[in-house]
Amino acid sequence: MNKVLLSVPQEVTNLHSRLKGAGFEAYLVGGCVRDVIAGRIPKDWDITTNAKPQEIQALFEETFYENEYGTVGVVTGSDDPRLKVVEITPYRIEGKYSNARHPDEVKFSDTLEDDLKRRDFTINAIAYEPDTGELVDLHGGKSDLERKIIATVGNSDERFAEDALRMLRAIRLSAELDFAIDTKTASGIANNASHLAKISRERVRDELIKILESNRPMQALYVAQKLGILKYIIPELEEGIGASQNQAHSYDVFEHSLRTLQHAADKKWPLDVRVGALLHDIGKPATRQWSDEKKDWTFYGHDVVGARIAKRILIDLRFPKELIERVHTLVRWHMFFSDPDKITLSAVRRVINRVGTDNIMDLLNLRVCDRIGTGRPKEHPFRLRKYMSMVDEAMRDPVSVSMLKIDGEGIITLGERPGPRIGWILHALLEEVLDDPTKNTREYLETRSKEMMKLPEPQLQEIGEKGKERKTEEDEAAIQKLREKHHVH
């Protein structure tokens, strides 16, 4: 008997003990066993048992059972989101798969062996008995973990014909774990690629998101293309294969897109930036033309065309509307002009206005990824750093009378007549608030306004002008800090 000691959370051992105490077999199984053996933190925990669903439910206070496959969700009350619900599933035997996704029927079994042989990959077909330390590994999963190999349980063609999504899952796991796909398993994917057309776009999207959020999305999508399944995920990407670009680029459109995506993953940037990175040049093949004048390829309007294509792709994959709009914005405006020697602060403000303050930093990060994707080694050249400084400057909270809790109309209601005296009072109040922000209350400013209203005009003008000078000093100091932040003094 193969015995090991694996670290298992108390919430899971409590459920296991309850099943065992009632006279049932119970094993941890699947991804949680795989991850613990590999030294990773499991995203969730699963138990398999010879107890039937009704027997499982009878043992626990809070459960739910809303599926055809026998899986019972047990609510543990844990504060850890990965342990709030633990799924317990009876040993199963699956019937034929007529839709390349789900078995036509599921029968409960009395043996763990039956349950393990129906699973997708060897590394997911390892069971663990916490009480005895027994590791049940009937298909060589532990060896494949050590060799860093993704291999199917049994015949690859049969496994992928049963459930076509397993092909995409194999590629996703290879990206998440940095494992290679076994030769026979890879052949099985190539042989059965067309079955992916039967899979719902929502399920394809879910696996694609996991690929994009992994550490190695470039590797995964490259393998997907080589094995013939990328055309069932985002076929438009393949149009970039062999589409050479202008002299500023070292790679064709396809490889450039993957490298841009990979840099977004390397920087741990969020999903919308990663999707934008992958699709930012999706319009290039459609707009690619040779210029005799430039003796080079041109892609005029690829940002406009690409934004439309990207939106269509994401709608087809059933992505959330908010993400679709954000990516559409990133692709549409990724060619923004950023030469700080030729652009004005007002032009930067217009870019921010177009893309929105929520998107501007993502757009700048996409530009960084785009640069690295061309083969240029420098992530933040001086011009881009200067532009980032200008964005910060354009978005900076203004040091102005608008920040005061009183305005000109408020001073008029206190009895001051319209005229230049109001501006002097406001700037004098601003100087006080810059010195002590706690003074920025309606009550204090009204009291001080009434006092200043009694001052003769020359004296009021003098303190008002001092306030203006102070505002200018504060502005200049703040802008200097922003430039130091971006190393563009």
Protein backbone atom coordinates (compact mmCIF):
# COMPACT_ATOMS: atom_id res chain seq x y z
CA MET A 1 0.00 0.00 0.00
CA ASN A 2 1.33 3.41 -1.02
CA LYS A 3 1.14 5.64 2.10
CA VAL A 4 1.85 9.37 2.35
CA LEU A 5 1.01 12.17 4.77
CA LEU A 6 -0.75 15.07 3.04
CA SER A 7 -1.90 18.31 4.65
CA VAL A 8 -5.69 18.41 4.70
CA PRO A 9 -7.83 21.22 6.23
CA GLN A 10 -9.86 20.43 9.33
CA GLU A 11 -13.13 21.23 7.56
CA VAL A 12 -12.42 18.45 5.04
CA THR A 13 -11.26 15.87 7.58
CA ASN A 14 -14.43 16.54 9.60
CA LEU A 15 -16.61 15.61 6.61
CA HIS A 16 -14.43 12.60 5.85
CA SER A 17 -14.68 11.40 9.45
CA ARG A 18 -18.47 11.75 9.43
CA LEU A 19 -18.72 9.56 6.33
CA LYS A 20 -16.31 6.98 7.75
CA GLY A 21 -18.13 7.01 11.09
CA ALA A 22 -21.36 6.12 9.30
CA GLY A 23 -19.71 3.07 7.77
CA PHE A 24 -18.92 4.43 4.31
CA GLU A 25 -15.67 4.58 2.33
CA ALA A 26 -14.44 8.11 1.60
CA TYR A 27 -11.45 9.46 -0.32
CA LEU A 28 -10.22 12.89 -1.34
CA VAL A 29 -9.97 12.89 -5.10
CA GLY A 30 -9.14 14.95 -8.17
CA GLY A 31 -7.51 18.37 -8.36
CA CYS A 32 -7.15 18.84 -4.60
CA VAL A 33 -5.03 15.66 -4.26
CA ARG A 34 -3.03 16.61 -7.34
CA ASP A 35 -2.33 20.11 -6.00
CA VAL A 36 -1.38 19.02 -2.46
CA ILE A 37 1.08 16.43 -3.82
CA ALA A 38 2.55 19.11 -6.12
CA GLY A 39 2.87 21.60 -3.24
CA ARG A 40 0.13 23.90 -4.54
CA ILE A 41 -2.88 25.30 -2.67
CA PRO A 42 -6.09 23.66 -3.94
CA LYS A 43 -8.84 25.95 -5.24
CA ASP A 44 -11.47 23.56 -3.89
CA TRP A 45 -11.83 20.17 -2.22
CA ASP A 46 -13.71 17.07 -3.40
CA ILE A 47 -14.56 13.80 -1.69
CA THR A 48 -15.75 10.61 -3.38
CA THR A 49 -17.58 7.86 -1.49
CA ASN A 50 -19.69 4.73 -1.84
CA ALA A 51 -22.55 6.56 -0.07
CA LYS A 52 -25.47 7.58 -2.28
CA PRO A 53 -26.69 11.22 -2.47
CA GLN A 54 -29.56 10.75 -0.01
CA GLU A 55 -27.24 8.98 2.43
CA ILE A 56 -24.73 11.83 2.15
CA GLN A 57 -27.42 14.46 2.77
CA ALA A 58 -28.69 12.61 5.83
CA LEU A 59 -25.27 12.98 7.51
CA PHE A 60 -24.89 16.78 7.25
CA GLU A 61 -26.98 19.72 8.40
CA GLU A 62 -26.74 22.02 5.38
CA THR A 63 -26.43 20.54 1.89
CA PHE A 64 -27.70 21.10 -1.64
CA TYR A 65 -28.18 18.60 -4.44
CA GLU A 66 -29.20 20.15 -7.76
CA ASN A 67 -27.55 18.05 -10.48
CA GLU A 68 -27.85 14.77 -12.34
CA TYR A 69 -24.45 13.44 -11.35
CA GLY A 70 -24.88 12.71 -7.66
CA THR A 71 -22.73 15.58 -6.42
CA VAL A 72 -23.84 16.90 -3.02
CA GLY A 73 -22.56 20.28 -1.88
CA VAL A 74 -21.94 20.37 1.86
CA VAL A 75 -21.81 23.81 3.50
CA THR A 76 -19.03 23.82 6.12
CA GLY A 77 -19.38 27.29 7.63
CA SER A 78 -15.69 27.97 6.96
CA ASP A 79 -14.42 31.53 6.49
CA ASP A 80 -12.08 30.32 3.76
CA PRO A 81 -13.90 30.71 0.39
CA ARG A 82 -12.17 27.55 -0.89
CA LEU A 83 -13.71 25.56 1.94
CA LYS A 84 -17.17 27.11 2.32
CA VAL A 85 -18.62 24.27 0.24
CA VAL A 86 -17.04 20.84 -0.17
CA GLU A 87 -18.48 18.60 -2.89
CA ILE A 88 -19.10 14.95 -2.08
CA THR A 89 -19.86 12.65 -5.01
CA PRO A 90 -20.73 8.94 -5.06
CA TYR A 91 -18.49 6.55 -6.99
CA ARG A 92 -19.80 6.71 -10.56
CA ILE A 93 -19.90 4.78 -13.81
CA GLU A 94 -20.75 6.89 -16.83
CA GLY A 95 -22.69 5.70 -19.87
CA LYS A 96 -22.20 6.73 -23.49
CA TYR A 97 -21.62 10.37 -24.45
CA SER A 98 -23.78 11.30 -27.44
CA ASN A 99 -23.19 15.09 -27.29
CA ALA A 100 -19.39 15.13 -26.75
CA ARG A 101 -19.91 16.79 -23.38
CA HIS A 102 -22.13 14.92 -20.89
CA PRO A 103 -22.81 11.22 -20.34
CA ASP A 104 -26.29 10.06 -21.39
CA GLU A 105 -26.62 8.35 -18.03
CA VAL A 106 -24.76 8.09 -14.74
CA LYS A 107 -24.85 5.01 -12.55
CA PHE A 108 -23.57 4.89 -9.00
CA SER A 109 -20.91 2.29 -8.27
CA ASP A 110 -19.67 0.51 -5.17
CA THR A 111 -15.99 0.62 -6.10
CA LEU A 112 -13.42 3.39 -6.17
CA GLU A 113 -11.76 1.71 -9.16
CA ASP A 114 -14.83 2.40 -11.33
CA ASP A 115 -14.80 6.05 -10.33
CA LEU A 116 -11.11 6.62 -11.03
CA LYS A 117 -11.11 5.06 -14.49
CA ARG A 118 -13.82 7.45 -15.73
CA ARG A 119 -11.70 10.55 -14.93
CA ASP A 120 -10.00 12.74 -17.52
CA PHE A 121 -6.26 12.84 -16.74
CA THR A 122 -4.01 10.60 -14.71
CA ILE A 123 -2.96 13.46 -12.42
CA ASN A 124 -6.65 13.98 -11.58
CA ALA A 125 -7.29 10.28 -10.95
CA ILE A 126 -5.42 9.95 -7.65
CA ALA A 127 -7.43 9.29 -4.47
CA TYR A 128 -6.26 9.84 -0.89
CA GLU A 129 -7.55 8.32 2.36
CA PRO A 130 -6.63 10.78 5.17
CA ASP A 131 -7.11 8.33 8.03
CA THR A 132 -4.76 5.66 6.67
CA GLY A 133 -2.54 7.81 4.43
CA GLU A 134 -3.34 5.43 1.54
CA LEU A 135 -2.75 6.91 -1.91
CA VAL A 136 -4.76 5.06 -4.56
CA ASP A 137 -3.05 5.66 -7.90
CA LEU A 138 -4.24 3.11 -10.45
CA HIS A 139 -3.24 5.07 -13.56
CA GLY A 140 0.25 6.40 -12.84
CA GLY A 141 -0.84 9.90 -11.90
CA LYS A 142 1.86 10.44 -9.27
CA SER A 143 4.55 9.48 -11.76
CA ASP A 144 3.09 11.88 -14.33
CA LEU A 145 3.05 14.63 -11.69
CA GLU A 146 6.74 14.03 -11.03
CA ARG A 147 7.48 14.02 -14.78
CA LYS A 148 5.24 17.07 -15.30
CA ILE A 149 3.11 15.33 -17.91
CA ILE A 150 -0.56 15.74 -18.85
CA ALA A 151 -1.86 12.34 -19.99
CA THR A 152 -5.38 10.95 -20.29
CA VAL A 153 -6.69 8.05 -18.28
CA GLY A 154 -6.79 5.21 -20.81
CA ASN A 155 -7.32 5.84 -24.53
CA SER A 156 -7.06 9.54 -25.47
CA ASP A 157 -9.42 9.29 -28.44
CA GLU A 158 -12.09 7.76 -26.21
CA ARG A 159 -11.66 10.35 -23.46
CA PHE A 160 -11.89 13.29 -25.89
CA ALA A 161 -14.76 11.80 -27.88
CA GLU A 162 -16.66 11.49 -24.58
CA ASP A 163 -16.08 15.09 -23.51
CA ALA A 164 -14.52 17.44 -26.04
CA LEU A 165 -13.93 20.13 -23.39
CA ARG A 166 -11.23 17.88 -21.94
CA MET A 167 -8.99 18.89 -24.87
CA LEU A 168 -9.15 22.53 -23.85
CA ARG A 169 -8.76 21.54 -20.21
CA ALA A 170 -5.55 19.66 -21.05
CA ILE A 171 -4.09 22.80 -22.58
CA ARG A 172 -5.30 24.92 -19.68
CA LEU A 173 -3.71 22.57 -17.13
CA SER A 174 -0.45 22.58 -19.06
CA ALA A 175 -0.42 26.39 -18.79
CA GLU A 176 -1.41 26.50 -15.12
CA LEU A 177 1.02 23.78 -14.02
CA ASP A 178 3.74 24.35 -16.65
CA PHE A 179 3.42 20.69 -17.72
CA ALA A 180 3.99 19.15 -21.14
CA ILE A 181 1.19 17.27 -22.90
CA ASP A 182 1.93 13.58 -23.44
CA THR A 183 2.51 12.63 -27.10
CA LYS A 184 -0.45 10.24 -27.32
CA THR A 185 -2.67 12.75 -25.56
CA ALA A 186 -1.59 15.49 -27.98
CA SER A 187 -2.39 13.18 -30.91
CA GLY A 188 -5.80 12.53 -29.37
CA ILE A 189 -6.45 16.28 -29.25
CA ALA A 190 -5.43 16.71 -32.90
CA ASN A 191 -7.62 13.76 -33.93
CA ASN A 192 -10.71 15.02 -32.10
CA ALA A 193 -10.35 18.79 -32.42
CA SER A 194 -13.54 19.16 -34.49
CA HIS A 195 -15.64 17.91 -31.54
CA LEU A 196 -15.02 21.26 -29.83
CA ALA A 197 -17.55 22.79 -32.22
CA LYS A 198 -20.25 20.96 -30.21
CA ILE A 199 -19.27 22.62 -26.93
CA SER A 200 -21.22 25.65 -25.70
CA ARG A 201 -19.41 28.95 -26.07
CA GLU A 202 -19.86 29.62 -22.34
CA ARG A 203 -17.84 26.52 -21.46
CA VAL A 204 -15.15 27.40 -24.00
CA ARG A 205 -15.05 30.92 -22.55
CA ASP A 206 -14.60 29.62 -19.00
CA GLU A 207 -11.57 27.52 -20.01
CA LEU A 208 -10.16 30.38 -22.10
CA ILE A 209 -10.37 32.74 -19.12
CA LYS A 210 -8.40 30.26 -17.02
CA ILE A 211 -5.80 30.03 -19.78
CA LEU A 212 -5.52 33.81 -20.02
CA GLU A 213 -5.25 34.13 -16.23
CA SER A 214 -2.51 31.49 -16.04
CA ASN A 215 1.19 32.34 -15.97
CA ARG A 216 1.82 30.91 -19.47
CA PRO A 217 -1.02 31.87 -21.80
CA MET A 218 1.30 32.28 -24.81
CA GLN A 219 2.48 28.69 -24.50
CA ALA A 220 -1.10 27.43 -24.15
CA LEU A 221 -2.50 29.26 -27.18
CA TYR A 222 0.51 28.30 -29.30
CA VAL A 223 -0.09 24.64 -28.44
CA ALA A 224 -3.83 25.08 -29.10
CA GLN A 225 -3.02 26.34 -32.58
CA LYS A 226 -0.55 23.57 -33.33
CA LEU A 227 -3.06 20.89 -32.24
CA GLY A 228 -5.88 22.38 -34.30
CA ILE A 229 -8.25 23.64 -31.61
CA LEU A 230 -7.55 27.40 -31.65
CA LYS A 231 -9.88 27.68 -34.65
CA TYR A 232 -12.70 26.55 -32.34
CA ILE A 233 -11.82 29.16 -29.71
CA ILE A 234 -10.90 32.39 -31.57
CA PRO A 235 -10.47 31.53 -35.26
CA GLU A 236 -9.67 35.15 -36.14
CA LEU A 237 -6.31 34.84 -34.35
CA GLU A 238 -5.08 32.35 -36.95
CA GLU A 239 -5.44 34.97 -39.70
CA GLY A 240 -2.36 36.63 -38.19
CA ILE A 241 -0.15 33.59 -38.82
CA GLY A 242 2.42 34.53 -41.46
CA ALA A 243 1.11 38.11 -41.67
CA SER A 244 4.45 39.88 -41.50
CA GLN A 245 4.42 43.45 -40.22
CA ASN A 246 6.37 46.64 -40.78
CA GLN A 247 9.99 47.18 -39.83
CA ALA A 248 9.11 48.18 -36.27
CA HIS A 249 8.08 44.58 -35.57
CA SER A 250 10.18 41.44 -35.21
CA TYR A 251 7.25 38.98 -35.45
CA ASP A 252 4.16 38.25 -37.51
CA VAL A 253 0.78 39.45 -36.21
CA PHE A 254 0.00 36.13 -34.50
CA GLU A 255 3.24 35.82 -32.55
CA HIS A 256 3.22 39.52 -31.72
CA SER A 257 -0.28 39.16 -30.22
CA LEU A 258 0.76 36.16 -28.11
CA ARG A 259 3.90 37.92 -26.89
CA THR A 260 1.89 41.02 -26.00
CA LEU A 261 -0.50 38.83 -24.01
CA GLN A 262 2.37 37.04 -22.29
CA HIS A 263 3.85 40.30 -21.05
CA ALA A 264 0.47 41.24 -19.55
CA ALA A 265 0.52 37.88 -17.75
CA ASP A 266 4.12 38.42 -16.61
CA LYS A 267 3.05 41.75 -15.09
CA LYS A 268 0.05 40.08 -13.38
CA TRP A 269 -2.31 42.57 -14.99
CA PRO A 270 -6.07 41.92 -14.86
CA LEU A 271 -8.18 39.98 -17.33
CA ASP A 272 -9.37 42.95 -19.38
CA VAL A 273 -5.77 44.01 -20.11
CA ARG A 274 -4.85 40.42 -21.03
CA VAL A 275 -7.83 40.10 -23.39
CA GLY A 276 -7.06 43.52 -24.84
CA ALA A 277 -3.42 42.50 -25.32
CA LEU A 278 -4.45 39.33 -27.16
CA LEU A 279 -6.93 41.13 -29.45
CA HIS A 280 -5.37 44.59 -29.85
CA ASP A 281 -4.12 43.84 -33.39
CA ILE A 282 -6.94 41.49 -34.42
CA GLY A 283 -7.83 43.99 -37.17
CA LYS A 284 -4.39 43.96 -38.81
CA PRO A 285 -4.87 41.05 -41.26
CA ALA A 286 -8.01 42.72 -42.64
CA THR A 287 -6.32 46.12 -43.09
CA ARG A 288 -2.85 44.95 -44.20
CA GLN A 289 -1.68 46.63 -47.43
CA TRP A 290 1.68 47.06 -49.11
CA SER A 291 2.88 50.64 -49.60
CA ASP A 292 5.20 51.18 -52.57
CA GLU A 293 5.95 54.62 -51.22
CA LYS A 294 7.06 53.34 -47.81
CA LYS A 295 8.31 50.00 -49.12
CA ASP A 296 6.60 48.45 -46.15
CA TRP A 297 3.30 47.05 -44.88
CA THR A 298 0.64 49.43 -43.59
CA PHE A 299 -2.36 48.75 -41.34
CA TYR A 300 -4.39 51.94 -41.55
CA GLY A 301 -7.53 51.81 -39.43
CA HIS A 302 -6.69 48.47 -37.82
CA ASP A 303 -7.62 49.91 -34.44
CA VAL A 304 -11.15 50.83 -35.59
CA VAL A 305 -11.66 47.56 -37.49
CA GLY A 306 -10.05 45.56 -34.67
CA ALA A 307 -12.37 47.05 -32.03
CA ARG A 308 -15.38 45.84 -34.01
CA ILE A 309 -13.89 42.37 -34.51
CA ALA A 310 -12.90 42.10 -30.84
CA LYS A 311 -16.41 43.01 -29.75
CA ARG A 312 -17.90 40.39 -32.06
CA ILE A 313 -15.51 37.72 -30.74
CA LEU A 314 -16.28 38.47 -27.10
CA ILE A 315 -20.04 38.59 -27.68
CA ASP A 316 -19.81 35.19 -29.38
CA LEU A 317 -17.92 33.82 -26.38
CA ARG A 318 -20.58 35.24 -24.02
CA PHE A 319 -18.18 37.46 -22.07
CA PRO A 320 -19.80 39.89 -19.60
CA LYS A 321 -20.97 43.14 -21.18
CA GLU A 322 -18.73 45.31 -18.95
CA LEU A 323 -15.57 43.44 -19.99
CA ILE A 324 -16.60 43.58 -23.66
CA GLU A 325 -16.95 47.36 -23.49
CA ARG A 326 -13.62 47.80 -21.68
CA VAL A 327 -11.75 45.64 -24.19
CA HIS A 328 -13.50 47.37 -27.10
CA THR A 329 -12.25 50.70 -25.71
CA LEU A 330 -8.68 49.40 -25.24
CA VAL A 331 -8.47 47.99 -28.78
CA ARG A 332 -10.10 51.07 -30.32
CA TRP A 333 -7.70 53.55 -28.71
CA HIS A 334 -4.49 51.52 -28.36
CA MET A 335 -2.85 53.57 -31.12
CA PHE A 336 -3.17 56.85 -29.17
CA PHE A 337 -0.48 59.40 -30.10
CA SER A 338 1.98 59.61 -27.23
CA ASP A 339 4.92 61.77 -28.33
CA PRO A 340 5.30 64.18 -25.36
CA ASP A 341 7.36 66.56 -27.50
CA LYS A 342 4.40 67.14 -29.82
CA ILE A 343 1.36 66.57 -27.61
CA THR A 344 -0.28 69.06 -25.27
CA LEU A 345 -1.85 68.51 -21.86
CA SER A 346 -5.24 69.30 -23.36
CA ALA A 347 -4.73 66.52 -25.93
CA VAL A 348 -3.92 64.10 -23.10
CA ARG A 349 -7.12 65.19 -21.38
CA ARG A 350 -9.05 64.41 -24.58
CA VAL A 351 -7.61 60.86 -24.63
CA ILE A 352 -8.63 60.40 -21.00
CA ASN A 353 -12.09 61.71 -21.84
CA ARG A 354 -12.43 59.22 -24.73
CA VAL A 355 -11.38 56.10 -22.82
CA GLY A 356 -12.55 57.11 -19.35
CA THR A 357 -10.57 57.57 -16.16
CA ASP A 358 -11.24 53.93 -15.23
CA ASN A 359 -9.55 52.71 -18.43
CA ILE A 360 -6.63 55.07 -18.93
CA MET A 361 -4.11 53.13 -16.83
CA ASP A 362 -5.13 49.88 -18.53
CA LEU A 363 -4.56 51.60 -21.88
CA LEU A 364 -1.07 52.69 -20.82
CA ASN A 365 -0.31 49.18 -19.58
CA LEU A 366 -1.49 47.77 -22.90
CA ARG A 367 0.92 50.13 -24.68
CA VAL A 368 3.73 48.73 -22.52
CA CYS A 369 2.75 45.16 -23.48
CA ASP A 370 2.51 46.16 -27.14
CA ARG A 371 6.06 47.53 -27.05
CA ILE A 372 7.48 44.33 -25.57
CA GLY A 373 5.45 42.28 -28.05
CA THR A 374 7.21 43.99 -30.96
CA GLY A 375 10.55 42.68 -29.73
CA ARG A 376 11.70 46.01 -28.30
CA PRO A 377 13.57 45.39 -25.06
CA LYS A 378 12.62 48.61 -23.22
CA GLU A 379 9.33 48.51 -21.38
CA HIS A 380 9.23 52.17 -20.32
CA PRO A 381 11.23 54.41 -22.68
CA PHE A 382 11.50 58.08 -21.75
CA ARG A 383 8.69 59.16 -24.13
CA LEU A 384 6.20 56.74 -22.59
CA ARG A 385 7.25 57.68 -19.05
CA LYS A 386 6.78 61.35 -19.94
CA TYR A 387 3.33 60.61 -21.34
CA MET A 388 2.41 58.72 -18.15
CA SER A 389 3.52 61.76 -16.17
CA MET A 390 1.27 63.96 -18.31
CA VAL A 391 -1.66 61.59 -17.68
CA ASP A 392 -1.08 61.82 -13.94
CA GLU A 393 -0.89 65.60 -14.25
CA ALA A 394 -4.12 65.75 -16.26
CA MET A 395 -5.92 63.55 -13.71
CA ARG A 396 -4.54 65.30 -10.64
CA ASP A 397 -7.11 66.76 -8.26
CA PRO A 398 -6.87 70.48 -8.95
CA VAL A 399 -5.54 72.75 -6.20
CA SER A 400 -8.20 75.41 -6.69
CA VAL A 401 -11.04 77.28 -5.04
CA SER A 402 -13.34 74.51 -6.34
CA MET A 403 -12.10 72.33 -3.45
CA LEU A 404 -13.53 74.80 -0.89
CA LYS A 405 -16.77 74.08 0.96
CA ILE A 406 -18.01 77.54 -0.04
CA ASP A 407 -18.29 79.20 -3.45
CA GLY A 408 -18.94 82.67 -4.86
CA GLU A 409 -22.69 82.33 -4.58
CA GLY A 410 -22.30 81.38 -0.94
CA ILE A 411 -20.30 84.54 -0.28
CA ILE A 412 -22.92 86.67 -2.08
CA THR A 413 -25.63 85.23 0.18
CA LEU A 414 -23.56 86.46 3.13
CA GLY A 415 -23.89 90.02 1.81
CA GLU A 416 -20.91 90.59 -0.49
CA ARG A 417 -21.70 92.27 -3.82
CA PRO A 418 -20.63 90.56 -7.09
CA GLY A 419 -17.19 91.68 -8.21
CA PRO A 420 -13.44 91.03 -7.85
CA ARG A 421 -13.67 91.05 -4.05
CA ILE A 422 -15.30 87.60 -4.16
CA GLY A 423 -12.29 86.11 -5.99
CA TRP A 424 -9.88 87.69 -3.47
CA ILE A 425 -11.88 86.22 -0.57
CA LEU A 426 -11.94 82.74 -2.13
CA HIS A 427 -8.18 82.74 -2.78
CA ALA A 428 -7.50 83.98 0.74
CA LEU A 429 -9.65 81.14 2.10
CA LEU A 430 -7.81 78.66 -0.13
CA GLU A 431 -4.47 79.68 1.36
CA GLU A 432 -5.78 78.98 4.86
CA VAL A 433 -7.16 75.58 3.84
CA LEU A 434 -3.89 74.59 2.16
CA ASP A 435 -2.16 75.28 5.46
CA ASP A 436 -4.81 73.48 7.51
CA PRO A 437 -7.30 71.24 5.61
CA THR A 438 -9.42 70.86 8.78
CA LYS A 439 -10.56 74.48 8.21
CA ASN A 440 -12.39 73.43 5.04
CA THR A 441 -15.84 73.43 6.65
CA ARG A 442 -18.84 75.51 5.66
CA GLU A 443 -19.14 76.96 9.15
CA TYR A 444 -15.51 78.13 9.42
CA LEU A 445 -15.35 79.52 5.88
CA GLU A 446 -18.58 81.49 6.32
CA THR A 447 -17.21 83.02 9.54
CA ARG A 448 -13.90 83.95 7.86
CA SER A 449 -15.72 85.31 4.80
CA LYS A 450 -17.76 87.65 6.97
CA GLU A 451 -14.55 88.89 8.63
CA MET A 452 -12.85 89.47 5.26
CA MET A 453 -15.89 91.27 3.86
CA LYS A 454 -15.22 94.01 6.42
CA LEU A 455 -11.68 94.60 5.12
CA PRO A 456 -10.91 97.59 2.89
CA GLU A 457 -10.36 96.71 -0.77
CA PRO A 458 -6.51 97.21 -0.87
CA GLN A 459 -5.96 94.93 2.14
CA LEU A 460 -8.38 92.27 0.81
CA GLN A 461 -6.71 92.35 -2.62
CA GLU A 462 -3.29 91.87 -1.03
CA ILE A 463 -4.23 88.71 0.90
CA GLY A 464 -6.17 87.43 -2.12
CA GLU A 465 -3.13 87.80 -4.39
CA LYS A 466 -1.02 85.94 -1.81
CA GLY A 467 -3.52 83.11 -2.02
CA LYS A 468 -3.13 83.01 -5.83
CA GLU A 469 0.64 82.84 -5.52
CA ARG A 470 0.31 80.01 -2.99
CA LYS A 471 -1.95 78.08 -5.41
CA THR A 472 0.69 78.39 -8.17
CA GLU A 473 3.42 77.13 -5.83
CA GLU A 474 1.29 74.14 -4.77
CA ASP A 475 0.55 73.31 -8.43
CA GLU A 476 4.21 73.42 -9.41
CA ALA A 477 5.28 71.29 -6.42
CA ALA A 478 2.64 68.65 -7.16
CA ILE A 479 3.58 68.45 -10.85
CA GLN A 480 7.27 68.15 -9.95
CA LYS A 481 6.45 65.19 -7.69
CA LEU A 482 4.57 63.49 -10.52
CA ARG A 483 7.54 63.95 -12.86
CA GLU A 484 9.95 62.58 -10.26
CA LYS A 485 7.65 59.55 -9.89
CA HIS A 486 8.08 58.79 -13.60
CA HIS A 487 11.79 59.83 -13.71
CA VAL A 488 11.14 62.62 -16.22
CA HIS A 489 12.41 65.68 -14.33
